[in-house]
PDB file of N, CA and C in Angstrom:
ATOM      1  N   MET A   1     -65.900  67.207-143.177  1.00  0.00           N
ATOM      2  CA  MET A   1     -66.102  65.988-143.122  1.00  0.00           C
ATOM      3  C   MET A   1     -66.764  65.018-142.206  1.00  0.00           C
ATOM      4  N   SER A   2     -67.803  65.906-141.616  1.00  0.00           N
ATOM      5  CA  SER A   2     -68.733  65.310-140.513  1.00  0.00           C
ATOM      6  C   SER A   2     -69.144  63.991-140.868  1.00  0.00           C
ATOM      7  N   GLU A   3     -69.443  63.585-141.886  1.00  0.00           N
ATOM      8  CA  GLU A   3     -70.233  62.108-142.192  1.00  0.00           C
ATOM      9  C   GLU A   3     -69.350  61.418-142.611  1.00  0.00           C
ATOM     10  N   PHE A   4     -69.432  60.044-142.478  1.00  0.00           N
ATOM     11  CA  PHE A   4     -68.179  59.250-142.518  1.00  0.00           C
ATOM     12  C   PHE A   4     -68.601  58.864-144.130  1.00  0.00           C
ATOM     13  N   HIS A   5     -69.617  58.978-145.048  1.00  0.00           N
ATOM     14  CA  HIS A   5     -69.853  58.616-146.382  1.00  0.00           C
ATOM     15  C   HIS A   5     -69.826  59.734-147.137  1.00  0.00           C
ATOM     16  N   GLU A   6     -69.204  60.708-146.454  1.00  0.00           N
ATOM     17  CA  GLU A   6     -68.528  61.906-147.398  1.00  0.00           C
ATOM     18  C   GLU A   6     -66.950  61.874-147.633  1.00  0.00           C
ATOM     19  N   VAL A   7     -66.672  60.819-146.873  1.00  0.00           N
ATOM     20  CA  VAL A   7     -64.960  61.360-147.005  1.00  0.00           C
ATOM     21  C   VAL A   7     -64.683  60.553-148.365  1.00  0.00           C
ATOM     22  N   ASP A   8     -63.747  61.555-149.150  1.00  0.00           N
ATOM     23  CA  ASP A   8     -63.051  61.509-150.070  1.00  0.00           C
ATOM     24  C   ASP A   8     -61.940  60.897-149.810  1.00  0.00           C
ATOM     25  N   TRP A   9     -61.608  59.768-149.727  1.00  0.00           N
ATOM     26  CA  TRP A   9     -60.562  58.995-149.495  1.00  0.00           C
ATOM     27  C   TRP A   9     -59.270  59.493-150.345  1.00  0.00           C
ATOM     28  N   GLN A  10     -59.268  59.471-151.251  1.00  0.00           N
ATOM     29  CA  GLN A  10     -58.088  59.827-152.092  1.00  0.00           C
ATOM     30  C   GLN A  10     -57.313  61.212-151.996  1.00  0.00           C
ATOM     31  N   ASN A  11     -58.235  62.108-151.705  1.00  0.00           N
ATOM     32  CA  ASN A  11     -57.660  63.484-151.713  1.00  0.00           C
ATOM     33  C   ASN A  11     -57.955  64.015-150.161  1.00  0.00           C
ATOM     34  N   ALA A  12     -58.430  63.529-149.315  1.00  0.00           N
ATOM     35  CA  ALA A  12     -58.663  63.774-147.840  1.00  0.00           C
ATOM     36  C   ALA A  12     -57.035  63.986-147.080  1.00  0.00           C
ATOM     37  N   SER A  13     -57.149  64.561-146.347  1.00  0.00           N
ATOM     38  CA  SER A  13     -55.814  64.588-145.990  1.00  0.00           C
ATOM     39  C   SER A  13     -55.615  63.757-144.618  1.00  0.00           C
ATOM     40  N   VAL A  14     -54.388  63.393-144.281  1.00  0.00           N
ATOM     41  CA  VAL A  14     -53.901  62.704-143.320  1.00  0.00           C
ATOM     42  C   VAL A  14     -54.724  62.930-142.421  1.00  0.00           C
ATOM     43  N   GLN A  15     -55.091  64.331-141.586  1.00  0.00           N
ATOM     44  CA  GLN A  15     -55.863  64.517-140.584  1.00  0.00           C
ATOM     45  C   GLN A  15     -57.181  64.162-140.329  1.00  0.00           C
ATOM     46  N   ASP A  16     -57.635  64.626-142.062  1.00  0.00           N
ATOM     47  CA  ASP A  16     -58.978  64.685-142.229  1.00  0.00           C
ATOM     48  C   ASP A  16     -59.447  63.037-142.392  1.00  0.00           C
ATOM     49  N   ARG A  17     -58.822  62.126-142.257  1.00  0.00           N
ATOM     50  CA  ARG A  17     -59.207  60.457-142.425  1.00  0.00           C
ATOM     51  C   ARG A  17     -59.065  60.208-140.937  1.00  0.00           C
ATOM     52  N   ILE A  18     -58.408  60.557-140.186  1.00  0.00           N
ATOM     53  CA  ILE A  18     -58.331  60.100-138.689  1.00  0.00           C
ATOM     54  C   ILE A  18     -59.405  59.844-138.375  1.00  0.00           C
ATOM     55  N   ALA A  19     -60.227  60.432-138.184  1.00  0.00           N
ATOM     56  CA  ALA A  19     -61.778  60.099-137.521  1.00  0.00           C
ATOM     57  C   ALA A  19     -62.177  58.764-137.961  1.00  0.00           C
ATOM     58  N   PRO A  20     -62.493  59.360-139.566  1.00  0.00           N
ATOM     59  CA  PRO A  20     -63.391  58.224-140.364  1.00  0.00           C
ATOM     60  C   PRO A  20     -62.341  56.823-140.290  1.00  0.00           C
ATOM     61  N   ASN A  21     -61.134  56.821-140.153  1.00  0.00           N
ATOM     62  CA  ASN A  21     -60.739  55.392-139.907  1.00  0.00           C
ATOM     63  C   ASN A  21     -60.744  54.823-138.758  1.00  0.00           C
ATOM     64  N   LYS A  22     -61.129  55.609-137.599  1.00  0.00           N
ATOM     65  CA  LYS A  22     -61.477  54.932-136.376  1.00  0.00           C
ATOM     66  C   LYS A  22     -62.682  54.353-136.590  1.00  0.00           C
ATOM     67  N   VAL A  23     -63.704  55.405-137.383  1.00  0.00           N
ATOM     68  CA  VAL A  23     -64.821  54.386-137.528  1.00  0.00           C
ATOM     69  C   VAL A  23     -64.943  53.063-138.118  1.00  0.00           C
ATOM     70  N   LEU A  24     -63.882  53.163-139.268  1.00  0.00           N
ATOM     71  CA  LEU A  24     -63.955  51.784-139.770  1.00  0.00           C
ATOM     72  C   LEU A  24     -63.266  50.948-139.244  1.00  0.00           C
ATOM     73  N   PHE A  25     -62.010  51.152-138.190  1.00  0.00           N
ATOM     74  CA  PHE A  25     -61.962  50.068-137.244  1.00  0.00           C
ATOM     75  C   PHE A  25     -62.753  49.501-136.275  1.00  0.00           C
ATOM     76  N   ARG A  26     -63.552  50.384-135.913  1.00  0.00           N
ATOM     77  CA  ARG A  26     -64.934  49.894-134.975  1.00  0.00           C
ATOM     78  C   ARG A  26     -65.835  48.849-135.695  1.00  0.00           C
ATOM     79  N   LEU A  27     -66.226  49.449-136.807  1.00  0.00           N
ATOM     80  CA  LEU A  27     -66.864  48.866-137.844  1.00  0.00           C
ATOM     81  C   LEU A  27     -66.624  47.551-137.942  1.00  0.00           C
ATOM     82  N   MET A  28     -65.348  47.068-138.124  1.00  0.00           N
ATOM     83  CA  MET A  28     -64.394  46.054-138.223  1.00  0.00           C
ATOM     84  C   MET A  28     -64.684  44.979-137.395  1.00  0.00           C
ATOM     85  N   VAL A  29     -64.266  45.873-136.068  1.00  0.00           N
ATOM     86  CA  VAL A  29     -64.412  44.767-134.860  1.00  0.00           C
ATOM     87  C   VAL A  29     -65.872  44.233-134.608  1.00  0.00           C
ATOM     88  N   GLN A  30     -66.855  45.388-134.616  1.00  0.00           N
ATOM     89  CA  GLN A  30     -68.221  45.032-134.667  1.00  0.00           C
ATOM     90  C   GLN A  30     -68.813  43.670-135.452  1.00  0.00           C
ATOM     91  N   LEU A  31     -68.172  43.846-136.867  1.00  0.00           N
ATOM     92  CA  LEU A  31     -68.260  42.958-137.877  1.00  0.00           C
ATOM     93  C   LEU A  31     -67.882  41.562-137.573  1.00  0.00           C
ATOM     94  N   SER A  32     -66.558  41.359-136.907  1.00  0.00           N
ATOM     95  CA  SER A  32     -65.789  39.939-136.645  1.00  0.00           C
ATOM     96  C   SER A  32     -66.613  39.845-135.538  1.00  0.00           C
ATOM     97  N   LYS A  33     -67.020  40.463-134.585  1.00  0.00           N
ATOM     98  CA  LYS A  33     -67.869  39.964-133.300  1.00  0.00           C
ATOM     99  C   LYS A  33     -69.215  39.341-133.933  1.00  0.00           C
ATOM    100  N   LYS A  34     -69.773  40.425-134.543  1.00  0.00           N
ATOM    101  CA  LYS A  34     -71.182  39.526-135.546  1.00  0.00           C
ATOM    102  C   LYS A  34     -71.341  38.346-136.118  1.00  0.00           C
ATOM    103  N   LEU A  35     -70.089  38.455-136.877  1.00  0.00           N
ATOM    104  CA  LEU A  35     -70.095  37.228-137.808  1.00  0.00           C
ATOM    105  C   LEU A  35     -69.506  35.861-137.316  1.00  0.00           C
ATOM    106  N   ASP A  36     -68.829  36.384-136.462  1.00  0.00           N
ATOM    107  CA  ASP A  36     -67.958  35.590-135.822  1.00  0.00           C
ATOM    108  C   ASP A  36     -66.655  35.018-136.348  1.00  0.00           C
ATOM    109  N   VAL A  37     -66.058  35.939-137.028  1.00  0.00           N
ATOM    110  CA  VAL A  37     -64.821  35.760-137.743  1.00  0.00           C
ATOM    111  C   VAL A  37     -64.137  36.508-137.521  1.00  0.00           C
ATOM    112  N   HIS A  38     -62.519  35.873-136.926  1.00  0.00           N
ATOM    113  CA  HIS A  38     -61.778  36.491-136.729  1.00  0.00           C
ATOM    114  C   HIS A  38     -61.166  37.891-137.429  1.00  0.00           C
ATOM    115  N   PHE A  39     -60.869  39.054-136.541  1.00  0.00           N
ATOM    116  CA  PHE A  39     -60.583  39.942-136.952  1.00  0.00           C
ATOM    117  C   PHE A  39     -59.474  40.054-138.428  1.00  0.00           C
ATOM    118  N   ASP A  40     -58.408  39.787-138.244  1.00  0.00           N
ATOM    119  CA  ASP A  40     -57.458  39.616-139.188  1.00  0.00           C
ATOM    120  C   ASP A  40     -58.206  39.108-140.555  1.00  0.00           C
ATOM    121  N   VAL A  41     -58.927  38.047-140.569  1.00  0.00           N
ATOM    122  CA  VAL A  41     -59.623  37.343-141.634  1.00  0.00           C
ATOM    123  C   VAL A  41     -60.482  38.289-142.309  1.00  0.00           C
ATOM    124  N   LEU A  42     -61.257  39.089-141.504  1.00  0.00           N
ATOM    125  CA  LEU A  42     -62.114  40.136-142.328  1.00  0.00           C
ATOM    126  C   LEU A  42     -61.058  41.332-142.774  1.00  0.00           C
ATOM    127  N   LEU A  43     -60.169  41.878-142.166  1.00  0.00           N
ATOM    128  CA  LEU A  43     -59.281  42.804-142.350  1.00  0.00           C
ATOM    129  C   LEU A  43     -58.591  42.286-143.540  1.00  0.00           C
ATOM    130  N   GLU A  44     -58.004  41.148-144.162  1.00  0.00           N
ATOM    131  CA  GLU A  44     -57.181  40.620-144.862  1.00  0.00           C
ATOM    132  C   GLU A  44     -58.278  40.722-146.176  1.00  0.00           C
ATOM    133  N   GLU A  45     -59.054  40.356-146.268  1.00  0.00           N
ATOM    134  CA  GLU A  45     -60.318  40.370-147.308  1.00  0.00           C
ATOM    135  C   GLU A  45     -60.846  41.672-147.579  1.00  0.00           C
ATOM    136  N   ALA A  46     -60.791  42.627-146.626  1.00  0.00           N
ATOM    137  CA  ALA A  46     -61.263  43.539-147.117  1.00  0.00           C
ATOM    138  C   ALA A  46     -60.086  44.534-147.673  1.00  0.00           C
ATOM    139  N   GLN A  47     -58.817  44.572-147.120  1.00  0.00           N
ATOM    140  CA  GLN A  47     -57.798  44.892-147.690  1.00  0.00           C
ATOM    141  C   GLN A  47     -57.127  44.669-148.736  1.00  0.00           C
ATOM    142  N   GLU A  48     -57.503  43.211-149.255  1.00  0.00           N
ATOM    143  CA  GLU A  48     -57.090  42.711-150.250  1.00  0.00           C
ATOM    144  C   GLU A  48     -55.375  42.280-150.312  1.00  0.00           C
ATOM    145  N   LYS A  49     -54.699  41.986-148.898  1.00  0.00           N
ATOM    146  CA  LYS A  49     -53.399  41.702-148.591  1.00  0.00           C
ATOM    147  C   LYS A  49     -53.876  41.127-147.227  1.00  0.00           C
ATOM    148  N   PRO A  50     -52.611  40.677-146.927  1.00  0.00           N
ATOM    149  CA  PRO A  50     -52.282  40.253-145.721  1.00  0.00           C
ATOM    150  C   PRO A  50     -51.871  40.956-144.447  1.00  0.00           C
ATOM    151  N   VAL A  51     -52.302  40.780-143.399  1.00  0.00           N
ATOM    152  CA  VAL A  51     -52.294  41.130-142.182  1.00  0.00           C
ATOM    153  C   VAL A  51     -50.408  41.659-141.936  1.00  0.00           C
ATOM    154  N   THR A  52     -50.022  42.330-141.310  1.00  0.00           N
ATOM    155  CA  THR A  52     -48.464  42.458-141.455  1.00  0.00           C
ATOM    156  C   THR A  52     -48.199  41.539-140.294  1.00  0.00           C
ATOM    157  N   THR A  53     -47.046  41.123-139.976  1.00  0.00           N
ATOM    158  CA  THR A  53     -46.628  40.202-138.642  1.00  0.00           C
ATOM    159  C   THR A  53     -46.146  41.328-137.519  1.00  0.00           C
ATOM    160  N   ALA A  54     -46.321  42.578-137.534  1.00  0.00           N
ATOM    161  CA  ALA A  54     -45.601  43.197-136.682  1.00  0.00           C
ATOM    162  C   ALA A  54     -46.253  42.878-135.382  1.00  0.00           C
ATOM    163  N   GLY A  55     -45.620  43.275-134.211  1.00  0.00           N
ATOM    164  CA  GLY A  55     -45.701  43.042-132.700  1.00  0.00           C
ATOM    165  C   GLY A  55     -47.612  43.638-133.015  1.00  0.00           C
ATOM    166  N   ASP A  56     -47.758  44.654-133.442  1.00  0.00           N
ATOM    167  CA  ASP A  56     -49.153  44.980-132.999  1.00  0.00           C
ATOM    168  C   ASP A  56     -49.794  45.620-134.271  1.00  0.00           C
ATOM    169  N   PRO A  57     -50.102  44.659-135.296  1.00  0.00           N
ATOM    170  CA  PRO A  57     -50.630  45.270-136.621  1.00  0.00           C
ATOM    171  C   PRO A  57     -51.655  46.264-136.648  1.00  0.00           C
ATOM    172  N   HIS A  58     -52.548  46.515-135.442  1.00  0.00           N
ATOM    173  CA  HIS A  58     -53.607  47.322-135.891  1.00  0.00           C
ATOM    174  C   HIS A  58     -53.412  48.541-134.945  1.00  0.00           C
ATOM    175  N   ARG A  59     -52.122  48.912-134.399  1.00  0.00           N
ATOM    176  CA  ARG A  59     -52.043  50.039-133.735  1.00  0.00           C
ATOM    177  C   ARG A  59     -52.367  51.182-134.421  1.00  0.00           C
ATOM    178  N   ASN A  60     -51.934  51.202-135.679  1.00  0.00           N
ATOM    179  CA  ASN A  60     -51.908  52.692-136.600  1.00  0.00           C
ATOM    180  C   ASN A  60     -53.691  52.409-136.911  1.00  0.00           C
ATOM    181  N   PHE A  61     -54.239  51.236-137.360  1.00  0.00           N
ATOM    182  CA  PHE A  61     -55.718  51.448-137.609  1.00  0.00           C
ATOM    183  C   PHE A  61     -56.610  51.729-136.477  1.00  0.00           C
ATOM    184  N   ARG A  62     -56.467  51.142-135.140  1.00  0.00           N
ATOM    185  CA  ARG A  62     -57.069  51.838-133.849  1.00  0.00           C
ATOM    186  C   ARG A  62     -57.148  53.452-134.022  1.00  0.00           C
ATOM    187  N   ARG A  63     -55.664  54.252-133.807  1.00  0.00           N
ATOM    188  CA  ARG A  63     -55.532  55.427-134.094  1.00  0.00           C
ATOM    189  C   ARG A  63     -56.051  56.156-135.101  1.00  0.00           C
ATOM    190  N   GLY A  64     -56.677  55.569-136.426  1.00  0.00           N
ATOM    191  CA  GLY A  64     -57.031  55.986-137.064  1.00  0.00           C
ATOM    192  C   GLY A  64     -55.867  56.865-138.403  1.00  0.00           C
ATOM    193  N   GLU A  65     -54.523  55.977-138.155  1.00  0.00           N
ATOM    194  CA  GLU A  65     -53.632  56.410-139.053  1.00  0.00           C
ATOM    195  C   GLU A  65     -52.962  55.146-140.126  1.00  0.00           C
ATOM    196  N   ILE A  66     -53.847  55.256-141.167  1.00  0.00           N
ATOM    197  CA  ILE A  66     -53.545  54.122-142.052  1.00  0.00           C
ATOM    198  C   ILE A  66     -53.752  54.689-143.289  1.00  0.00           C
ATOM    199  N   ALA A  67     -53.153  54.358-144.427  1.00  0.00           N
ATOM    200  CA  ALA A  67     -53.133  54.688-145.831  1.00  0.00           C
ATOM    201  C   ALA A  67     -54.377  54.803-146.544  1.00  0.00           C
ATOM    202  N   LYS A  68     -54.270  56.066-147.094  1.00  0.00           N
ATOM    203  CA  LYS A  68     -55.395  56.426-147.558  1.00  0.00           C
ATOM    204  C   LYS A  68     -55.974  55.069-148.541  1.00  0.00           C
ATOM    205  N   GLU A  69     -55.067  54.451-148.970  1.00  0.00           N
ATOM    206  CA  GLU A  69     -55.185  53.067-150.099  1.00  0.00           C
ATOM    207  C   GLU A  69     -56.143  52.047-149.045  1.00  0.00           C
ATOM    208  N   ARG A  70     -55.420  51.902-148.099  1.00  0.00           N
ATOM    209  CA  ARG A  70     -56.356  50.819-147.122  1.00  0.00           C
ATOM    210  C   ARG A  70     -57.812  51.457-147.154  1.00  0.00           C
ATOM    211  N   SER A  71     -57.817  52.853-146.276  1.00  0.00           N
ATOM    212  CA  SER A  71     -59.280  53.224-145.864  1.00  0.00           C
ATOM    213  C   SER A  71     -60.049  52.721-147.059  1.00  0.00           C
ATOM    214  N   HIS A  72     -59.957  53.203-148.137  1.00  0.00           N
ATOM    215  CA  HIS A  72     -60.673  53.162-149.318  1.00  0.00           C
ATOM    216  C   HIS A  72     -60.994  51.804-149.896  1.00  0.00           C
ATOM    217  N   LYS A  73     -60.212  50.957-149.670  1.00  0.00           N
ATOM    218  CA  LYS A  73     -60.412  49.589-149.818  1.00  0.00           C
ATOM    219  C   LYS A  73     -61.109  48.640-148.787  1.00  0.00           C
ATOM    220  N   ILE A  74     -61.067  49.711-147.347  1.00  0.00           N
ATOM    221  CA  ILE A  74     -62.009  48.913-146.469  1.00  0.00           C
ATOM    222  C   ILE A  74     -63.387  49.033-146.546  1.00  0.00           C
ATOM    223  N   HIS A  75     -63.387  50.728-146.877  1.00  0.00           N
ATOM    224  CA  HIS A  75     -64.871  51.317-146.553  1.00  0.00           C
ATOM    225  C   HIS A  75     -65.627  50.555-148.195  1.00  0.00           C
ATOM    226  N   GLU A  76     -64.904  50.532-148.870  1.00  0.00           N
ATOM    227  CA  GLU A  76     -65.567  50.116-150.432  1.00  0.00           C
ATOM    228  C   GLU A  76     -66.257  48.336-149.745  1.00  0.00           C
ATOM    229  N   TRP A  77     -65.451  47.922-149.209  1.00  0.00           N
ATOM    230  CA  TRP A  77     -65.380  46.345-148.717  1.00  0.00           C
ATOM    231  C   TRP A  77     -66.780  46.153-147.973  1.00  0.00           C
ATOM    232  N   ILE A  78     -66.800  47.155-147.121  1.00  0.00           N
ATOM    233  CA  ILE A  78     -68.084  47.445-145.841  1.00  0.00           C
ATOM    234  C   ILE A  78     -69.263  47.758-146.773  1.00  0.00           C
ATOM    235  N   ALA A  79     -68.948  48.538-147.688  1.00  0.00           N
ATOM    236  CA  ALA A  79     -70.363  49.026-148.651  1.00  0.00           C
ATOM    237  C   ALA A  79     -70.871  47.635-149.140  1.00  0.00           C
ATOM    238  N   ARG A  80     -70.100  47.042-149.994  1.00  0.00           N
ATOM    239  CA  ARG A  80     -70.243  45.917-151.058  1.00  0.00           C
ATOM    240  C   ARG A  80     -70.732  44.568-149.915  1.00  0.00           C
ATOM    241  N   ASN A  81     -70.245  44.412-148.335  1.00  0.00           N
ATOM    242  CA  ASN A  81     -70.969  43.463-147.935  1.00  0.00           C
ATOM    243  C   ASN A  81     -71.725  43.620-146.736  1.00  0.00           C
TER     244      ASN A  81
END
């Protein structure tokens, strides 16, 4: 899974999704800065649900450890937008 666009989000193992998830995180950070929109606003729109109110809601995303459903939704949102 060397190419980001080749990731099969639904069938990839947790380990295979870590690097692409980190790429998704960096892309979302870049988009947030470029569009001057708060990161959480973009993330909520992309994943179609509110960001958790946990102490550090982005820790797992930064580490590349998010659910495949979230990864897939965020990837598709980036592709559409």
